[in-house]
Protein backbone atom coordinates (compact mmCIF):
# COMPACT_ATOMS: atom_id res chain seq x y z
CA MET A 1 29.06 18.25 15.66
CA GLN A 2 27.93 21.00 18.06
CA ASN A 3 24.22 20.92 18.95
CA ARG A 4 22.30 23.87 17.58
CA PRO A 5 19.79 25.71 19.77
CA HIS A 6 16.07 25.14 19.41
CA PHE A 7 13.90 27.83 17.86
CA LYS A 8 12.60 29.15 21.22
CA GLU A 9 16.07 29.10 22.79
CA TYR A 10 17.52 31.02 19.86
CA VAL A 11 14.75 33.65 19.83
CA MET A 12 14.75 34.13 23.60
CA ALA A 13 18.54 34.39 23.81
CA ARG A 14 18.59 37.12 21.19
CA LEU A 15 15.56 38.88 22.64
CA VAL A 16 16.74 38.84 26.27
CA THR A 17 20.19 40.07 25.26
CA LEU A 18 18.66 42.93 23.29
CA ALA A 19 16.12 43.70 26.05
CA VAL A 20 18.79 43.84 28.78
CA ALA A 21 21.00 46.10 26.65
CA VAL A 22 18.12 48.49 25.90
CA PHE A 23 16.98 48.43 29.55
CA ILE A 24 20.46 49.33 30.79
CA LEU A 25 20.69 52.12 28.24
CA CYS A 26 17.31 53.51 29.33
CA VAL A 27 18.31 53.39 33.01
CA VAL A 28 21.55 55.27 32.30
CA LEU A 29 19.68 57.92 30.30
CA LEU A 30 17.09 58.35 33.05
CA LEU A 31 19.79 58.76 35.70
CA VAL A 32 21.55 61.38 33.59
CA LEU A 33 18.50 63.35 32.50
CA ILE A 34 16.28 63.20 35.64
CA ASP A 35 17.41 64.48 39.05
CA ASP A 36 14.46 63.17 41.06
CA ASN A 37 15.50 59.67 42.25
CA GLN A 38 11.94 58.63 43.06
CA THR A 39 10.80 59.50 39.56
CA VAL A 40 13.80 57.69 38.08
CA TRP A 41 13.17 54.45 39.95
CA THR A 42 9.46 54.62 39.19
CA ALA A 43 10.28 54.96 35.49
CA VAL A 44 12.82 52.12 35.76
CA PHE A 45 10.17 49.89 37.35
CA VAL A 46 7.63 50.68 34.61
CA ILE A 47 10.19 50.06 31.87
CA ALA A 48 11.27 46.77 33.50
CA LEU A 49 7.63 45.66 33.76
CA ALA A 50 6.99 46.55 30.11
CA PHE A 51 10.09 44.67 28.97
CA SER A 52 9.08 41.66 31.09
CA LEU A 53 5.57 41.57 29.59
CA PHE A 54 7.03 41.95 26.11
CA VAL A 55 9.55 39.13 26.66
CA TYR A 56 6.82 36.92 28.15
CA ALA A 57 4.50 37.52 25.17
CA VAL A 58 7.29 36.76 22.71
CA ALA A 59 8.23 33.64 24.69
CA ARG A 60 4.63 32.35 24.49
CA GLY A 61 4.54 32.96 20.75
CA ALA A 62 7.92 31.31 20.25
CA ASP A 63 6.81 28.32 22.32
CA ARG A 64 3.71 27.90 20.16
CA MET A 65 5.70 28.20 16.96
CA GLN A 66 8.24 25.67 18.27
CA LYS A 67 5.48 23.14 18.99
CA GLU A 68 4.07 23.58 15.49
CA LEU A 69 7.53 23.20 13.97
CA ARG A 70 8.04 20.02 15.99
CA THR A 71 4.73 18.64 14.71
CA ILE A 72 5.70 19.39 11.11
CA ASN A 73 9.14 17.87 11.64
CA LYS A 74 7.54 14.76 13.17
CA TYR A 75 5.47 14.19 10.02
CA LEU A 76 8.44 14.86 7.75
CA SER A 77 10.69 12.45 9.68
CA HIS A 78 8.09 9.65 9.32
CA ILE A 79 6.81 10.54 5.87
CA ASP A 80 7.47 7.04 4.49
CA LYS A 81 5.53 5.39 7.33
CA ALA A 82 2.59 7.78 7.58
CA ASP A 83 -0.64 5.85 6.99
CA GLU A 84 -3.09 8.63 7.74
CA ILE A 85 -2.95 12.40 8.16
CA HIS A 86 -4.15 13.63 11.58
CA TYR A 87 -3.19 17.28 11.66
CA LYS A 88 -5.65 19.76 13.21
CA ALA A 89 -3.34 22.54 14.42
CA ARG A 90 -4.55 26.10 13.97
CA PHE A 91 -1.83 28.39 12.72
CA PHE A 92 -1.70 32.07 13.57
CA THR A 93 0.39 33.06 10.54
CA GLN A 94 -0.35 32.46 6.86
CA GLU A 95 3.17 31.13 6.30
CA PHE A 96 2.63 28.25 8.76
CA GLU A 97 -0.81 27.55 7.29
CA ASP A 98 0.77 27.31 3.82
CA ILE A 99 3.41 24.93 5.19
CA ASN A 100 0.64 22.81 6.69
CA GLN A 101 -1.30 22.59 3.42
CA ASN A 102 1.82 21.79 1.42
CA LEU A 103 2.79 19.16 3.96
CA ILE A 104 -0.61 17.50 3.61
CA LYS A 105 -0.15 17.44 -0.18
CA VAL A 106 3.30 15.87 0.21
CA LEU A 107 1.97 13.24 2.62
CA LYS A 108 -0.90 12.34 0.30
CA ALA A 109 1.44 12.08 -2.70
CA SER A 110 3.90 10.00 -0.68
CA LYS A 111 1.14 7.65 0.52
CA LYS A 112 -0.12 7.28 -3.04
CA ARG A 113 3.38 6.40 -4.26
CA GLU A 114 3.75 3.92 -1.40
CA ASP A 115 0.41 2.30 -2.31
CA VAL A 116 1.50 2.01 -5.94
CA LYS A 117 4.83 0.53 -4.82
CA GLN A 118 3.09 -2.02 -2.59
CA ARG A 119 0.70 -3.04 -5.38
CA TYR A 120 3.62 -3.40 -7.78
CA ASN A 121 5.57 -5.49 -5.25
CA ALA A 122 2.49 -7.66 -4.66
CA LYS A 123 2.09 -8.22 -8.40
CA LEU A 124 5.79 -8.98 -8.72
CA LYS A 125 5.60 -11.53 -5.90
CA LEU A 126 2.52 -13.09 -7.50
CA LYS A 127 4.28 -13.34 -10.87
CA ASN A 128 7.33 -14.91 -9.24
CA ARG A 129 5.15 -17.37 -7.36
CA GLN A 130 3.24 -18.24 -10.53
CA ARG A 131 6.51 -18.69 -12.41
CA GLY A 132 7.70 -21.02 -9.68
CA ASP A 133 4.39 -22.89 -9.79
CA MET A 134 4.64 -23.22 -13.55
CA ILE A 135 8.20 -24.57 -13.42
CA SER A 136 7.21 -26.98 -10.67
CA ALA A 137 4.12 -28.10 -12.60
CA ILE A 138 6.06 -28.54 -15.84
CA ALA A 139 8.74 -30.58 -14.06
CA HIS A 140 6.08 -32.71 -12.37
CA GLU A 141 4.02 -33.37 -15.50
CA PHE A 142 6.99 -34.02 -17.79
CA ARG A 143 8.82 -36.26 -15.34
CA ASN A 144 6.53 -39.28 -15.63
CA PRO A 145 6.29 -39.54 -19.47
CA ILE A 146 10.01 -38.82 -19.86
CA ALA A 147 10.87 -41.47 -17.25
CA SER A 148 8.59 -43.95 -19.04
CA ILE A 149 10.17 -43.23 -22.43
CA MET A 150 13.67 -43.61 -20.98
CA GLY A 151 12.73 -46.81 -19.16
CA TYR A 152 11.14 -48.54 -22.16
CA ALA A 153 13.92 -47.35 -24.48
CA GLN A 154 16.60 -48.59 -22.07
CA THR A 155 14.88 -51.99 -21.84
CA LEU A 156 14.78 -52.29 -25.63
CA GLU A 157 18.43 -51.23 -25.81
CA ASP A 158 19.64 -53.67 -23.16
CA ASP A 159 17.64 -56.73 -24.21
CA LYS A 160 17.81 -57.48 -27.93
CA ASP A 161 15.87 -60.74 -27.52
CA ILE A 162 12.61 -59.22 -26.32
CA PRO A 163 9.66 -60.88 -28.15
CA SER A 164 8.29 -58.85 -31.05
CA ASN A 165 4.85 -58.45 -29.45
CA LEU A 166 6.45 -57.04 -26.28
CA GLN A 167 8.67 -54.77 -28.37
CA GLU A 168 5.57 -53.47 -30.12
CA LYS A 169 3.93 -52.85 -26.75
CA PHE A 170 6.96 -50.94 -25.47
CA LEU A 171 7.20 -48.86 -28.65
CA ASN A 172 3.51 -48.06 -28.34
CA LYS A 173 4.11 -46.90 -24.75
CA ILE A 174 6.98 -44.70 -25.93
CA TYR A 175 4.77 -43.24 -28.66
CA ASN A 176 1.89 -42.56 -26.25
CA ASN A 177 4.17 -40.81 -23.75
CA GLY A 178 5.70 -38.76 -26.58
CA THR A 179 2.18 -37.75 -27.61
CA LYS A 180 1.45 -36.72 -24.03
CA ILE A 181 4.54 -34.50 -23.94
CA GLU A 182 3.48 -32.94 -27.24
CA ALA A 183 0.02 -32.23 -25.78
CA LEU A 184 1.58 -30.62 -22.71
CA LEU A 185 3.75 -28.38 -24.87
CA SER A 186 0.78 -27.45 -27.06
CA ARG A 187 -1.17 -26.46 -23.96
CA LEU A 188 1.68 -24.28 -22.76
CA VAL A 189 1.90 -22.55 -26.14
CA LEU A 190 -1.87 -21.98 -26.16
CA TRP A 191 -1.86 -20.56 -22.64
CA ASN A 192 1.03 -18.26 -23.52
CA LYS A 193 -1.09 -16.83 -26.36
CA PHE A 194 -3.91 -16.09 -23.93
CA GLU A 195 -1.50 -14.52 -21.43
CA SER A 196 0.08 -12.26 -24.06
CA GLY A 197 -3.27 -11.32 -25.61
CA GLU A 198 -2.32 -12.87 -28.96
CA ALA A 199 -5.18 -15.38 -29.03
CA THR A 200 -7.78 -14.47 -31.65
CA LEU A 201 -11.01 -16.01 -32.86
CA HIS A 202 -11.42 -17.60 -36.27
CA PRO A 203 -15.19 -18.05 -36.36
CA SER A 204 -17.00 -20.35 -38.75
CA SER A 205 -20.43 -21.92 -38.96
CA PHE A 206 -20.59 -25.53 -37.72
CA ASP A 207 -22.82 -28.01 -35.95
CA MET A 208 -22.01 -28.26 -32.25
CA TYR A 209 -23.69 -31.66 -32.08
CA THR A 210 -21.28 -33.01 -34.70
CA LEU A 211 -18.31 -31.61 -32.80
CA ILE A 212 -19.46 -33.31 -29.58
CA GLN A 213 -19.84 -36.62 -31.47
CA GLU A 214 -16.24 -36.32 -32.70
CA VAL A 215 -14.96 -35.57 -29.19
CA LYS A 216 -16.93 -38.54 -27.86
CA THR A 217 -15.38 -40.92 -30.41
CA SER A 218 -11.88 -39.64 -29.63
CA LEU A 219 -12.23 -39.94 -25.86
CA GLU A 220 -13.97 -43.33 -25.92
CA ASP A 221 -10.97 -44.65 -27.86
CA LYS A 222 -8.76 -43.28 -25.08
CA TYR A 223 -11.07 -44.55 -22.31
CA PRO A 224 -12.46 -47.78 -23.82
CA THR A 225 -14.31 -48.85 -20.66
CA ARG A 226 -16.18 -45.57 -20.25
CA HIS A 227 -19.37 -44.27 -21.86
CA ILE A 228 -20.37 -40.76 -22.92
CA VAL A 229 -24.11 -40.18 -23.33
CA ILE A 230 -25.19 -37.32 -25.59
CA ASP A 231 -28.62 -35.75 -25.22
CA ALA A 232 -28.74 -33.25 -28.06
CA LYS A 233 -29.86 -32.48 -31.57
CA SER A 234 -28.29 -30.52 -34.39
CA TYR A 235 -27.25 -27.09 -33.14
CA VAL A 236 -25.48 -24.81 -35.66
CA ILE A 237 -23.45 -21.94 -34.21
CA GLU A 238 -20.96 -19.30 -35.36
CA ALA A 239 -17.75 -19.72 -33.32
CA ASP A 240 -14.12 -20.85 -33.40
CA ARG A 241 -14.43 -24.60 -33.95
CA THR A 242 -10.84 -25.42 -32.97
CA LEU A 243 -11.08 -23.61 -29.65
CA LEU A 244 -14.47 -25.09 -28.79
CA ASP A 245 -13.07 -28.51 -29.56
CA ILE A 246 -10.47 -27.84 -26.85
CA VAL A 247 -13.23 -26.73 -24.46
CA MET A 248 -15.31 -29.88 -24.97
CA LYS A 249 -12.31 -32.23 -24.74
CA ASN A 250 -11.17 -30.62 -21.48
CA LEU A 251 -14.59 -30.66 -19.84
CA ILE A 252 -15.59 -34.15 -20.93
CA GLU A 253 -12.19 -35.67 -20.11
CA ASN A 254 -12.27 -34.07 -16.64
CA ALA A 255 -15.67 -35.70 -16.09
CA LEU A 256 -14.29 -39.06 -17.22
CA LYS A 257 -11.32 -38.82 -14.88
CA TYR A 258 -13.26 -37.99 -11.76
CA SER A 259 -16.32 -40.17 -12.09
CA LYS A 260 -16.90 -43.89 -12.57
CA ASP A 261 -20.32 -43.87 -14.20
CA GLU A 262 -21.44 -42.46 -17.53
CA VAL A 263 -20.71 -38.86 -18.45
CA TYR A 264 -23.63 -36.91 -19.88
CA VAL A 265 -23.51 -34.11 -22.43
CA SER A 266 -26.61 -32.11 -23.33
CA ILE A 267 -27.60 -29.14 -25.47
CA LYS A 268 -30.77 -27.36 -24.36
CA GLU A 269 -31.81 -23.89 -25.51
CA GLY A 270 -28.26 -22.87 -26.34
CA CYS A 271 -26.84 -24.17 -23.03
CA ILE A 272 -24.20 -26.88 -23.34
CA SER A 273 -23.77 -28.95 -20.16
CA ILE A 274 -21.40 -31.72 -19.14
CA TYR A 275 -22.31 -33.52 -15.94
CA ASP A 276 -21.13 -36.57 -14.05
CA LYS A 277 -21.88 -38.55 -10.90
CA GLY A 278 -18.39 -38.42 -9.48
CA ASP A 279 -16.90 -37.21 -6.20
CA GLY A 280 -17.93 -33.62 -6.76
CA ILE A 281 -16.04 -30.47 -5.81
CA SER A 282 -15.87 -28.94 -2.34
CA ALA A 283 -17.28 -25.46 -1.77
CA LYS A 284 -13.82 -24.07 -1.01
CA ASP A 285 -12.42 -25.38 -4.33
CA ILE A 286 -15.27 -24.58 -6.69
CA GLY A 287 -14.33 -20.92 -7.03
CA LYS A 288 -10.62 -21.67 -7.49
CA ILE A 289 -10.41 -24.55 -9.95
CA THR A 290 -10.46 -22.27 -13.03
CA LYS A 291 -7.44 -20.31 -11.79
CA LYS A 292 -4.20 -21.02 -13.58
CA PHE A 293 -1.82 -23.45 -11.87
CA TYR A 294 -4.38 -24.15 -9.15
CA ARG A 295 -4.32 -27.60 -7.64
CA SER A 296 -6.80 -28.81 -5.05
CA GLY A 297 -5.59 -30.69 -2.02
CA THR A 298 -7.85 -33.63 -2.90
CA HIS A 299 -7.99 -33.43 -6.69
CA THR A 300 -5.90 -32.15 -9.52
CA TRP A 301 -8.82 -31.20 -11.70
CA ASP A 302 -6.51 -30.99 -14.66
CA ASN A 303 -3.37 -33.08 -14.81
CA SER A 304 -1.68 -30.75 -17.29
CA MET A 305 -0.07 -28.12 -15.10
CA GLY A 306 -3.35 -26.76 -13.77
CA LEU A 307 -4.11 -24.97 -17.03
CA GLY A 308 -6.99 -26.96 -18.54
CA LEU A 309 -9.94 -25.20 -16.92
CA ALA A 310 -8.12 -21.85 -17.00
CA ILE A 311 -7.81 -22.25 -20.78
CA VAL A 312 -11.49 -23.25 -21.01
CA LYS A 313 -12.44 -20.10 -19.11
CA SER A 314 -10.27 -17.92 -21.38
CA ILE A 315 -11.70 -19.47 -24.56
CA LEU A 316 -15.27 -18.92 -23.38
CA THR A 317 -14.42 -15.34 -22.42
CA LEU A 318 -13.20 -14.76 -25.99
CA HIS A 319 -16.62 -16.01 -27.13
CA GLN A 320 -18.32 -13.66 -24.63
CA SER A 321 -19.50 -16.63 -22.61
CA LYS A 322 -18.90 -17.86 -19.09
CA LEU A 323 -18.22 -21.25 -17.51
CA LEU A 324 -20.80 -22.10 -14.85
CA ILE A 325 -19.97 -24.78 -12.29
CA THR A 326 -22.36 -26.46 -9.87
CA SER A 327 -21.36 -29.37 -7.70
CA GLN A 328 -22.13 -31.37 -4.59
CA GLU A 329 -19.56 -33.56 -2.92
CA HIS A 330 -20.10 -37.30 -3.46
CA GLU A 331 -22.94 -36.58 -5.91
CA GLY A 332 -21.34 -35.08 -9.00
CA SER A 333 -20.60 -31.90 -10.92
CA THR A 334 -22.04 -29.94 -13.84
CA PHE A 335 -20.03 -27.68 -16.13
CA SER A 336 -22.09 -25.58 -18.51
CA PHE A 337 -21.90 -22.54 -20.79
CA ASN A 338 -24.14 -20.71 -23.25
CA ILE A 339 -23.06 -20.08 -26.80
């Protein structure tokens, strides 16, 4: 493809051609009409000087316009990569000023679209990473109980002469691992409701102290060597009993898992606290442990796909409350909320 001339080249070529043609015509007319040679050549000199000044002035203007067109073209050629607008040229015609203003509008709109695109891509990457984390967490958490069920079932299948007491023990193990899988699935279903915004409150009036006693009995059966100390009196509230049962079970069981001494539960002036004397939580983890699928490098604060504390946080948010966490490493942690 043949290269096209630049703006200044095009204008000057046309202008010089026209100027030379007019100059020659003027010279011919002067030679024909004027007999005095000195007068003729003086007039020719004046006309030549005038044409030169005119061509020079037009050349300067064309050069300026070409620079401004190059600047505009530079912005347009990098419109997708322009981060900021640095354009301070002063235009001597209204048309170029209008082009400048419209260009600024286009650049701003393009940058806004690019920002929206980047935010969308970031959200998409986050969702994909979370989906990968969820699949990895599900596979990790389901692998152990499924392997146990298969192992005990295979043993019972292969050895028909296993003593009845050992058979009962194996069947109990199979049942317990099946219950664990059911709990994992229930937690996934519950979290999906929170994610989709389908979770709703079903408030009723009940005694929080009674609920804590029930949770204590249930968990002490599961952890027979551990003790839960309750420092509370009757405290009647209006809330969703089922969801708060999940909150208390999660918080108290976490305390049981990550401490060796007693776990304490108290109700004081509407504040419900669960505290332990365990390993505590590091400063870098304390702000992250309620995020979904989060797992600390030293602790998995919830062994059910990293959703336990995230669900607690969501339930309390539904109740217009907030989970407060204070902790010191090697001294213990306190989880509390007002309701």
